[in-house]
PDB file of N, CA and C in Angstrom:
ATOM      1  N   MET A   1     -34.181  -9.028  34.913  1.00  0.00           N
ATOM      2  CA  MET A   1     -34.138  -7.639  34.497  1.00  0.00           C
ATOM      3  C   MET A   1     -34.945  -7.515  33.211  1.00  0.00           C
ATOM      4  N   SER A   2     -35.808  -6.539  33.143  1.00  0.00           N
ATOM      5  CA  SER A   2     -36.609  -6.325  31.944  1.00  0.00           C
ATOM      6  C   SER A   2     -35.805  -5.544  30.918  1.00  0.00           C
ATOM      7  N   ASN A   3     -36.293  -5.560  29.680  1.00  0.00           N
ATOM      8  CA  ASN A   3     -35.596  -4.873  28.601  1.00  0.00           C
ATOM      9  C   ASN A   3     -35.517  -3.374  28.802  1.00  0.00           C
ATOM     10  N   ASP A   4     -36.508  -2.797  29.500  1.00  0.00           N
ATOM     11  CA  ASP A   4     -36.492  -1.350  29.680  1.00  0.00           C
ATOM     12  C   ASP A   4     -35.644  -0.918  30.881  1.00  0.00           C
ATOM     13  N   THR A   5     -35.102  -1.873  31.603  1.00  0.00           N
ATOM     14  CA  THR A   5     -34.232  -1.545  32.718  1.00  0.00           C
ATOM     15  C   THR A   5     -32.821  -1.990  32.369  1.00  0.00           C
ATOM     16  N   GLN A   6     -32.073  -1.119  31.761  1.00  0.00           N
ATOM     17  CA  GLN A   6     -30.710  -1.422  31.353  1.00  0.00           C
ATOM     18  C   GLN A   6     -29.748  -0.937  32.426  1.00  0.00           C
ATOM     19  N   VAL A   7     -28.747  -1.723  32.697  1.00  0.00           N
ATOM     20  CA  VAL A   7     -27.729  -1.326  33.656  1.00  0.00           C
ATOM     21  C   VAL A   7     -26.742  -0.423  32.935  1.00  0.00           C
ATOM     22  N   GLN A   8     -26.545   0.753  33.446  1.00  0.00           N
ATOM     23  CA  GLN A   8     -25.618   1.708  32.863  1.00  0.00           C
ATOM     24  C   GLN A   8     -24.229   1.445  33.435  1.00  0.00           C
ATOM     25  N   ASN A   9     -23.221   1.609  32.619  1.00  0.00           N
ATOM     26  CA  ASN A   9     -21.844   1.484  33.065  1.00  0.00           C
ATOM     27  C   ASN A   9     -21.160   2.822  32.824  1.00  0.00           C
ATOM     28  N   PRO A  10     -21.413   3.788  33.716  1.00  0.00           N
ATOM     29  CA  PRO A  10     -20.854   5.126  33.491  1.00  0.00           C
ATOM     30  C   PRO A  10     -19.335   5.108  33.565  1.00  0.00           C
ATOM     31  N   GLU A  11     -18.714   5.857  32.661  1.00  0.00           N
ATOM     32  CA  GLU A  11     -17.266   5.961  32.678  1.00  0.00           C
ATOM     33  C   GLU A  11     -16.848   6.904  33.793  1.00  0.00           C
ATOM     34  N   LYS A  12     -15.736   6.568  34.392  1.00  0.00           N
ATOM     35  CA  LYS A  12     -15.182   7.411  35.441  1.00  0.00           C
ATOM     36  C   LYS A  12     -14.587   8.657  34.796  1.00  0.00           C
ATOM     37  N   ASP A  13     -14.816   9.796  35.394  1.00  0.00           N
ATOM     38  CA  ASP A  13     -14.257  11.049  34.913  1.00  0.00           C
ATOM     39  C   ASP A  13     -12.736  10.914  34.871  1.00  0.00           C
ATOM     40  N   THR A  14     -12.125  11.315  33.754  1.00  0.00           N
ATOM     41  CA  THR A  14     -10.678  11.156  33.608  1.00  0.00           C
ATOM     42  C   THR A  14      -9.898  11.901  34.684  1.00  0.00           C
ATOM     43  N   SER A  15     -10.473  12.945  35.250  1.00  0.00           N
ATOM     44  CA  SER A  15      -9.775  13.660  36.324  1.00  0.00           C
ATOM     45  C   SER A  15      -9.730  12.838  37.608  1.00  0.00           C
ATOM     46  N   ASP A  16     -10.546  11.787  37.699  1.00  0.00           N
ATOM     47  CA  ASP A  16     -10.564  10.922  38.869  1.00  0.00           C
ATOM     48  C   ASP A  16      -9.684   9.685  38.702  1.00  0.00           C
ATOM     49  N   TRP A  17      -9.087   9.510  37.523  1.00  0.00           N
ATOM     50  CA  TRP A  17      -8.255   8.333  37.282  1.00  0.00           C
ATOM     51  C   TRP A  17      -7.014   8.376  38.172  1.00  0.00           C
ATOM     52  N   VAL A  18      -6.713   7.267  38.819  1.00  0.00           N
ATOM     53  CA  VAL A  18      -5.515   7.178  39.643  1.00  0.00           C
ATOM     54  C   VAL A  18      -4.263   7.263  38.775  1.00  0.00           C
ATOM     55  N   THR A  19      -4.309   6.653  37.586  1.00  0.00           N
ATOM     56  CA  THR A  19      -3.144   6.640  36.696  1.00  0.00           C
ATOM     57  C   THR A  19      -3.287   7.623  35.543  1.00  0.00           C
ATOM     58  N   GLY A  20      -4.218   8.549  35.649  1.00  0.00           N
ATOM     59  CA  GLY A  20      -4.492   9.476  34.554  1.00  0.00           C
ATOM     60  C   GLY A  20      -3.346  10.376  34.181  1.00  0.00           C
ATOM     61  N   ASP A  21      -2.421  10.597  35.121  1.00  0.00           N
ATOM     62  CA  ASP A  21      -1.310  11.491  34.810  1.00  0.00           C
ATOM     63  C   ASP A  21      -0.085  10.736  34.288  1.00  0.00           C
ATOM     64  N   GLU A  22      -0.210   9.428  34.115  1.00  0.00           N
ATOM     65  CA  GLU A  22       0.873   8.648  33.518  1.00  0.00           C
ATOM     66  C   GLU A  22       0.857   8.850  32.004  1.00  0.00           C
ATOM     67  N   PRO A  23       1.976   8.587  31.332  1.00  0.00           N
ATOM     68  CA  PRO A  23       2.002   8.731  29.872  1.00  0.00           C
ATOM     69  C   PRO A  23       0.967   7.817  29.206  1.00  0.00           C
ATOM     70  N   MET A  24       0.434   8.269  28.065  1.00  0.00           N
ATOM     71  CA  MET A  24      -0.555   7.457  27.363  1.00  0.00           C
ATOM     72  C   MET A  24       0.057   6.105  26.998  1.00  0.00           C
ATOM     73  N   THR A  25      -0.817   5.125  26.832  1.00  0.00           N
ATOM     74  CA  THR A  25      -0.377   3.781  26.491  1.00  0.00           C
ATOM     75  C   THR A  25      -0.063   3.693  24.998  1.00  0.00           C
ATOM     76  N   GLY A  26       0.612   2.639  24.610  1.00  0.00           N
ATOM     77  CA  GLY A  26       0.915   2.412  23.205  1.00  0.00           C
ATOM     78  C   GLY A  26      -0.344   2.328  22.347  1.00  0.00           C
ATOM     79  N   PRO A  27      -1.342   1.533  22.783  1.00  0.00           N
ATOM     80  CA  PRO A  27      -2.577   1.459  22.006  1.00  0.00           C
ATOM     81  C   PRO A  27      -3.300   2.805  21.895  1.00  0.00           C
ATOM     82  N   GLN A  28      -3.289   3.591  22.976  1.00  0.00           N
ATOM     83  CA  GLN A  28      -3.905   4.923  22.920  1.00  0.00           C
ATOM     84  C   GLN A  28      -3.183   5.773  21.873  1.00  0.00           C
ATOM     85  N   HIS A  29      -1.869   5.750  21.900  1.00  0.00           N
ATOM     86  CA  HIS A  29      -1.072   6.557  20.980  1.00  0.00           C
ATOM     87  C   HIS A  29      -1.360   6.156  19.536  1.00  0.00           C
ATOM     88  N   SER A  30      -1.382   4.866  19.281  1.00  0.00           N
ATOM     89  CA  SER A  30      -1.628   4.378  17.926  1.00  0.00           C
ATOM     90  C   SER A  30      -3.011   4.789  17.427  1.00  0.00           C
ATOM     91  N   TYR A  31      -4.036   4.574  18.251  1.00  0.00           N
ATOM     92  CA  TYR A  31      -5.401   4.914  17.850  1.00  0.00           C
ATOM     93  C   TYR A  31      -5.565   6.417  17.699  1.00  0.00           C
ATOM     94  N   LEU A  32      -4.954   7.160  18.601  1.00  0.00           N
ATOM     95  CA  LEU A  32      -5.031   8.620  18.544  1.00  0.00           C
ATOM     96  C   LEU A  32      -4.395   9.142  17.255  1.00  0.00           C
ATOM     97  N   GLN A  33      -3.273   8.564  16.856  1.00  0.00           N
ATOM     98  CA  GLN A  33      -2.619   8.976  15.608  1.00  0.00           C
ATOM     99  C   GLN A  33      -3.513   8.673  14.405  1.00  0.00           C
ATOM    100  N   THR A  34      -4.180   7.523  14.428  1.00  0.00           N
ATOM    101  CA  THR A  34      -5.087   7.159  13.338  1.00  0.00           C
ATOM    102  C   THR A  34      -6.238   8.153  13.253  1.00  0.00           C
ATOM    103  N   LEU A  35      -6.848   8.454  14.394  1.00  0.00           N
ATOM    104  CA  LEU A  35      -7.966   9.396  14.420  1.00  0.00           C
ATOM    105  C   LEU A  35      -7.520  10.790  13.991  1.00  0.00           C
ATOM    106  N   ALA A  36      -6.371  11.221  14.482  1.00  0.00           N
ATOM    107  CA  ALA A  36      -5.867  12.555  14.144  1.00  0.00           C
ATOM    108  C   ALA A  36      -5.603  12.669  12.648  1.00  0.00           C
ATOM    109  N   GLN A  37      -5.063  11.610  12.063  1.00  0.00           N
ATOM    110  CA  GLN A  37      -4.812  11.625  10.623  1.00  0.00           C
ATOM    111  C   GLN A  37      -6.117  11.740   9.847  1.00  0.00           C
ATOM    112  N   GLU A  38      -7.132  10.985  10.272  1.00  0.00           N
ATOM    113  CA  GLU A  38      -8.435  11.056   9.607  1.00  0.00           C
ATOM    114  C   GLU A  38      -9.066  12.429   9.750  1.00  0.00           C
ATOM    115  N   ALA A  39      -8.884  13.046  10.925  1.00  0.00           N
ATOM    116  CA  ALA A  39      -9.467  14.360  11.191  1.00  0.00           C
ATOM    117  C   ALA A  39      -8.578  15.493  10.672  1.00  0.00           C
ATOM    118  N   LYS A  40      -7.436  15.119  10.096  1.00  0.00           N
ATOM    119  CA  LYS A  40      -6.469  16.099   9.596  1.00  0.00           C
ATOM    120  C   LYS A  40      -6.063  17.081  10.688  1.00  0.00           C
ATOM    121  N   GLN A  41      -5.728  16.510  11.850  1.00  0.00           N
ATOM    122  CA  GLN A  41      -5.298  17.309  12.995  1.00  0.00           C
ATOM    123  C   GLN A  41      -3.986  16.761  13.534  1.00  0.00           C
ATOM    124  N   GLU A  42      -3.299  17.605  14.245  1.00  0.00           N
ATOM    125  CA  GLU A  42      -2.067  17.208  14.922  1.00  0.00           C
ATOM    126  C   GLU A  42      -2.376  17.023  16.399  1.00  0.00           C
ATOM    127  N   VAL A  43      -1.774  16.011  17.002  1.00  0.00           N
ATOM    128  CA  VAL A  43      -1.903  15.819  18.442  1.00  0.00           C
ATOM    129  C   VAL A  43      -0.507  15.622  19.026  1.00  0.00           C
ATOM    130  N   PRO A  44      -0.269  16.140  20.213  1.00  0.00           N
ATOM    131  CA  PRO A  44       1.048  15.989  20.838  1.00  0.00           C
ATOM    132  C   PRO A  44       1.340  14.518  21.153  1.00  0.00           C
ATOM    133  N   ASP A  45       2.608  14.170  21.160  1.00  0.00           N
ATOM    134  CA  ASP A  45       3.021  12.813  21.488  1.00  0.00           C
ATOM    135  C   ASP A  45       3.204  12.603  22.991  1.00  0.00           C
ATOM    136  N   ASP A  46       3.104  13.680  23.776  1.00  0.00           N
ATOM    137  CA  ASP A  46       3.397  13.571  25.203  1.00  0.00           C
ATOM    138  C   ASP A  46       2.154  13.709  26.085  1.00  0.00           C
ATOM    139  N   LEU A  47       1.011  13.261  25.592  1.00  0.00           N
ATOM    140  CA  LEU A  47      -0.220  13.348  26.380  1.00  0.00           C
ATOM    141  C   LEU A  47      -0.220  12.326  27.504  1.00  0.00           C
ATOM    142  N   THR A  48      -0.969  12.629  28.551  1.00  0.00           N
ATOM    143  CA  THR A  48      -1.179  11.661  29.619  1.00  0.00           C
ATOM    144  C   THR A  48      -2.288  10.701  29.203  1.00  0.00           C
ATOM    145  N   LYS A  49      -2.479   9.651  29.980  1.00  0.00           N
ATOM    146  CA  LYS A  49      -3.557   8.705  29.696  1.00  0.00           C
ATOM    147  C   LYS A  49      -4.901   9.419  29.657  1.00  0.00           C
ATOM    148  N   ALA A  50      -5.142  10.297  30.629  1.00  0.00           N
ATOM    149  CA  ALA A  50      -6.417  11.014  30.702  1.00  0.00           C
ATOM    150  C   ALA A  50      -6.577  11.959  29.512  1.00  0.00           C
ATOM    151  N   GLU A  51      -5.524  12.709  29.187  1.00  0.00           N
ATOM    152  CA  GLU A  51      -5.600  13.629  28.049  1.00  0.00           C
ATOM    153  C   GLU A  51      -5.823  12.868  26.748  1.00  0.00           C
ATOM    154  N   ALA A  52      -5.155  11.738  26.597  1.00  0.00           N
ATOM    155  CA  ALA A  52      -5.312  10.929  25.387  1.00  0.00           C
ATOM    156  C   ALA A  52      -6.735  10.407  25.276  1.00  0.00           C
ATOM    157  N   SER A  53      -7.300   9.969  26.391  1.00  0.00           N
ATOM    158  CA  SER A  53      -8.672   9.466  26.385  1.00  0.00           C
ATOM    159  C   SER A  53      -9.640  10.557  25.953  1.00  0.00           C
ATOM    160  N   GLU A  54      -9.457  11.751  26.471  1.00  0.00           N
ATOM    161  CA  GLU A  54     -10.323  12.876  26.110  1.00  0.00           C
ATOM    162  C   GLU A  54     -10.151  13.247  24.633  1.00  0.00           C
ATOM    163  N   ALA A  55      -8.915  13.226  24.146  1.00  0.00           N
ATOM    164  CA  ALA A  55      -8.662  13.542  22.741  1.00  0.00           C
ATOM    165  C   ALA A  55      -9.273  12.478  21.837  1.00  0.00           C
ATOM    166  N   ILE A  56      -9.191  11.221  22.246  1.00  0.00           N
ATOM    167  CA  ILE A  56      -9.790  10.133  21.464  1.00  0.00           C
ATOM    168  C   ILE A  56     -11.294  10.328  21.377  1.00  0.00           C
ATOM    169  N   GLU A  57     -11.935  10.632  22.494  1.00  0.00           N
ATOM    170  CA  GLU A  57     -13.386  10.857  22.483  1.00  0.00           C
ATOM    171  C   GLU A  57     -13.761  11.996  21.538  1.00  0.00           C
ATOM    172  N   ARG A  58     -13.014  13.083  21.612  1.00  0.00           N
ATOM    173  CA  ARG A  58     -13.292  14.248  20.767  1.00  0.00           C
ATOM    174  C   ARG A  58     -13.111  13.898  19.289  1.00  0.00           C
ATOM    175  N   LEU A  59     -12.021  13.220  18.976  1.00  0.00           N
ATOM    176  CA  LEU A  59     -11.751  12.886  17.585  1.00  0.00           C
ATOM    177  C   LEU A  59     -12.699  11.805  17.063  1.00  0.00           C
ATOM    178  N   GLN A  60     -13.153  10.923  17.921  1.00  0.00           N
ATOM    179  CA  GLN A  60     -14.140   9.936  17.504  1.00  0.00           C
ATOM    180  C   GLN A  60     -15.421  10.632  17.060  1.00  0.00           C
ATOM    181  N   GLN A  61     -15.813  11.655  17.796  1.00  0.00           N
ATOM    182  CA  GLN A  61     -17.014  12.399  17.432  1.00  0.00           C
ATOM    183  C   GLN A  61     -16.793  13.137  16.101  1.00  0.00           C
ATOM    184  N   GLU A  62     -15.628  13.707  15.934  1.00  0.00           N
ATOM    185  CA  GLU A  62     -15.342  14.456  14.710  1.00  0.00           C
ATOM    186  C   GLU A  62     -15.277  13.553  13.477  1.00  0.00           C
ATOM    187  N   THR A  63     -14.741  12.337  13.656  1.00  0.00           N
ATOM    188  CA  THR A  63     -14.573  11.438  12.520  1.00  0.00           C
ATOM    189  C   THR A  63     -15.740  10.490  12.333  1.00  0.00           C
ATOM    190  N   GLY A  64     -16.639  10.421  13.323  1.00  0.00           N
ATOM    191  CA  GLY A  64     -17.763   9.502  13.236  1.00  0.00           C
ATOM    192  C   GLY A  64     -17.422   8.081  13.635  1.00  0.00           C
ATOM    193  N   ARG A  65     -16.233   7.860  14.141  1.00  0.00           N
ATOM    194  CA  ARG A  65     -15.811   6.519  14.550  1.00  0.00           C
ATOM    195  C   ARG A  65     -16.380   6.112  15.889  1.00  0.00           C
ATOM    196  N   GLY A  66     -16.830   7.028  16.667  1.00  0.00           N
ATOM    197  CA  GLY A  66     -17.296   6.717  18.020  1.00  0.00           C
ATOM    198  C   GLY A  66     -18.739   6.260  18.094  1.00  0.00           C
ATOM    199  N   LYS A  67     -19.373   6.058  16.960  1.00  0.00           N
ATOM    200  CA  LYS A  67     -20.791   5.714  16.953  1.00  0.00           C
ATOM    201  C   LYS A  67     -21.014   4.255  17.201  1.00  0.00           C
TER     202      LYS A  67
END
């Protein structure tokens, strides 16, 4: 494979997750709380895995941690 041909690993849309409607994981909750504190925002404690993932992505962009 040449340097200009990179294999992309696209993320699956959270709406397609089989377990997306399950409660968020402990690590998701912990990281989400850290990001929310940095962004000075409140986030619900009862998010699903998919909702938590989307909130993490949004807050990473807001805090600059996702770079």
